[in-house]
């Protein structure tokens, strides 16, 4: 049995999220949100490369910290070790406020996307690269 560390607690909290009232988003609008909000650190699509953060192809439905990326924070690695998967609901909560979802990760410096419709659009866009 694994010891419950602060990292594990964050992983357990993220894994416990369920039943979100996530609205359907507009992928075209999500592309704009990605460009203005995420694109400074992440790439997605054909030929995507790791920048400051890992490339995000296949993020929806993927286990946390599972892309070859040497810079994952210890809290993010713990999410992966505990089997947390980036469902639409988990992404929604993560994107809304990364620091509240998992403190001490590199994403905790990102203030989040507070508008629910912008998050839904962003997730719809991410899904187009996850199928």
Protein backbone atom coordinates (compact mmCIF):
# COMPACT_ATOMS: atom_id res chain seq x y z
CA UNK A 1 0.00 0.00 0.00
CA UNK A 2 1.36 3.41 -0.98
CA UNK A 3 1.90 6.08 1.66
CA UNK A 4 -0.52 9.01 1.33
CA UNK A 5 1.74 11.98 0.64
CA UNK A 6 0.59 15.50 -0.30
CA UNK A 7 1.20 14.48 -3.92
CA UNK A 8 -0.94 11.38 -3.51
CA UNK A 9 -3.67 13.41 -1.88
CA UNK A 10 -3.73 15.72 -4.89
CA UNK A 11 -3.86 12.72 -7.19
CA UNK A 12 -6.70 11.20 -5.22
CA UNK A 13 -8.63 14.45 -5.31
CA UNK A 14 -8.25 14.80 -9.05
CA UNK A 15 -9.19 11.17 -9.56
CA UNK A 16 -12.31 11.64 -7.46
CA UNK A 17 -13.76 14.30 -9.75
CA UNK A 18 -16.80 13.00 -11.55
CA UNK A 19 -20.18 14.02 -12.86
CA UNK A 20 -19.17 17.41 -14.20
CA UNK A 21 -21.79 19.41 -16.02
CA UNK A 22 -19.32 20.03 -18.83
CA UNK A 23 -21.04 21.65 -21.77
CA UNK A 24 -20.29 20.77 -25.37
CA UNK A 25 -17.75 23.17 -26.78
CA UNK A 26 -16.86 24.69 -30.12
CA UNK A 27 -13.49 23.38 -31.32
CA UNK A 28 -12.92 26.34 -33.66
CA UNK A 29 -13.30 28.76 -30.75
CA UNK A 30 -11.16 26.42 -28.66
CA UNK A 31 -8.33 26.77 -31.18
CA UNK A 32 -8.26 30.49 -30.40
CA UNK A 33 -8.28 29.82 -26.66
CA UNK A 34 -5.41 27.37 -27.11
CA UNK A 35 -3.41 29.84 -29.17
CA UNK A 36 -3.83 32.70 -26.69
CA UNK A 37 -3.68 30.71 -23.46
CA UNK A 38 -1.81 27.42 -23.90
CA UNK A 39 0.28 27.87 -27.02
CA UNK A 40 3.07 29.74 -25.27
CA UNK A 41 4.05 26.52 -23.44
CA UNK A 42 2.41 23.67 -25.38
CA UNK A 43 2.00 22.51 -28.98
CA UNK A 44 -0.65 20.25 -30.44
CA UNK A 45 -1.26 18.79 -33.88
CA UNK A 46 0.93 17.24 -36.56
CA UNK A 47 4.59 17.80 -35.83
CA UNK A 48 3.92 19.08 -32.30
CA UNK A 49 7.00 19.30 -30.15
CA UNK A 50 7.71 19.75 -26.48
CA UNK A 51 8.20 23.39 -25.55
CA UNK A 52 8.14 24.47 -21.91
CA UNK A 53 5.42 21.87 -21.43
CA UNK A 54 4.79 18.57 -23.21
CA UNK A 55 2.97 18.34 -26.52
CA UNK A 56 -0.72 17.68 -26.01
CA UNK A 57 -1.67 15.28 -28.81
CA UNK A 58 -3.92 12.59 -27.36
CA UNK A 59 -4.35 14.36 -24.01
CA UNK A 60 -8.06 13.52 -23.66
CA UNK A 61 -8.17 9.97 -22.32
CA UNK A 62 -4.43 9.76 -21.62
CA UNK A 63 -2.89 8.91 -18.26
CA UNK A 64 -1.29 11.91 -16.54
CA UNK A 65 2.47 12.31 -17.00
CA UNK A 66 2.63 9.56 -19.62
CA UNK A 67 4.30 11.42 -22.50
CA UNK A 68 8.07 11.30 -22.80
CA UNK A 69 8.83 14.60 -21.04
CA UNK A 70 11.70 14.89 -18.56
CA UNK A 71 10.42 17.99 -16.77
CA UNK A 72 7.26 16.68 -15.08
CA UNK A 73 6.98 17.96 -11.52
CA UNK A 74 6.88 15.41 -8.71
CA UNK A 75 3.15 16.13 -8.08
CA UNK A 76 2.37 15.49 -11.77
CA UNK A 77 4.40 12.28 -11.75
CA UNK A 78 2.38 11.21 -8.70
CA UNK A 79 -0.85 11.73 -10.64
CA UNK A 80 0.45 9.36 -13.31
CA UNK A 81 1.61 6.83 -10.74
CA UNK A 82 -1.85 6.80 -9.20
CA UNK A 83 -3.42 6.23 -12.61
CA UNK A 84 -5.20 9.57 -13.04
CA UNK A 85 -6.53 9.91 -16.59
CA UNK A 86 -7.19 13.21 -18.33
CA UNK A 87 -10.90 12.83 -18.84
CA UNK A 88 -12.86 15.83 -20.06
CA UNK A 89 -14.01 16.42 -16.48
CA UNK A 90 -10.49 16.24 -15.04
CA UNK A 91 -9.19 18.56 -17.75
CA UNK A 92 -12.00 21.00 -17.06
CA UNK A 93 -11.11 21.20 -13.38
CA UNK A 94 -7.38 21.29 -14.12
CA UNK A 95 -7.67 24.08 -16.69
CA UNK A 96 -9.98 26.09 -14.42
CA UNK A 97 -7.35 26.34 -11.67
CA UNK A 98 -4.26 24.13 -11.84
CA UNK A 99 -2.96 25.32 -8.47
CA UNK A 100 -6.18 24.35 -6.69
CA UNK A 101 -6.19 20.97 -8.42
CA UNK A 102 -2.54 20.16 -7.71
CA UNK A 103 -0.29 22.63 -5.92
CA UNK A 104 3.45 22.69 -6.55
CA UNK A 105 3.22 21.57 -10.17
CA UNK A 106 4.73 23.74 -12.88
CA UNK A 107 1.22 24.55 -14.05
CA UNK A 108 0.42 26.10 -10.66
CA UNK A 109 1.93 29.32 -12.04
CA UNK A 110 -0.80 29.39 -14.68
CA UNK A 111 -3.89 31.23 -13.34
CA UNK A 112 -6.32 29.02 -15.23
CA UNK A 113 -9.19 29.64 -17.62
CA UNK A 114 -12.03 30.80 -15.42
CA UNK A 115 -14.77 31.04 -18.06
CA UNK A 116 -16.59 27.69 -18.32
CA UNK A 117 -17.52 28.18 -21.99
CA UNK A 118 -13.89 28.93 -22.91
CA UNK A 119 -12.81 25.75 -21.11
CA UNK A 120 -15.48 23.72 -22.92
CA UNK A 121 -14.29 25.17 -26.24
CA UNK A 122 -10.67 24.42 -25.37
CA UNK A 123 -11.47 20.82 -24.43
CA UNK A 124 -13.46 20.39 -27.66
CA UNK A 125 -10.34 21.54 -29.52
CA UNK A 126 -8.06 19.20 -27.55
CA UNK A 127 -10.42 16.31 -28.35
CA UNK A 128 -9.88 16.84 -32.09
CA UNK A 129 -6.28 15.68 -31.51
CA UNK A 130 -7.23 12.81 -29.20
CA UNK A 131 -9.19 10.55 -31.52
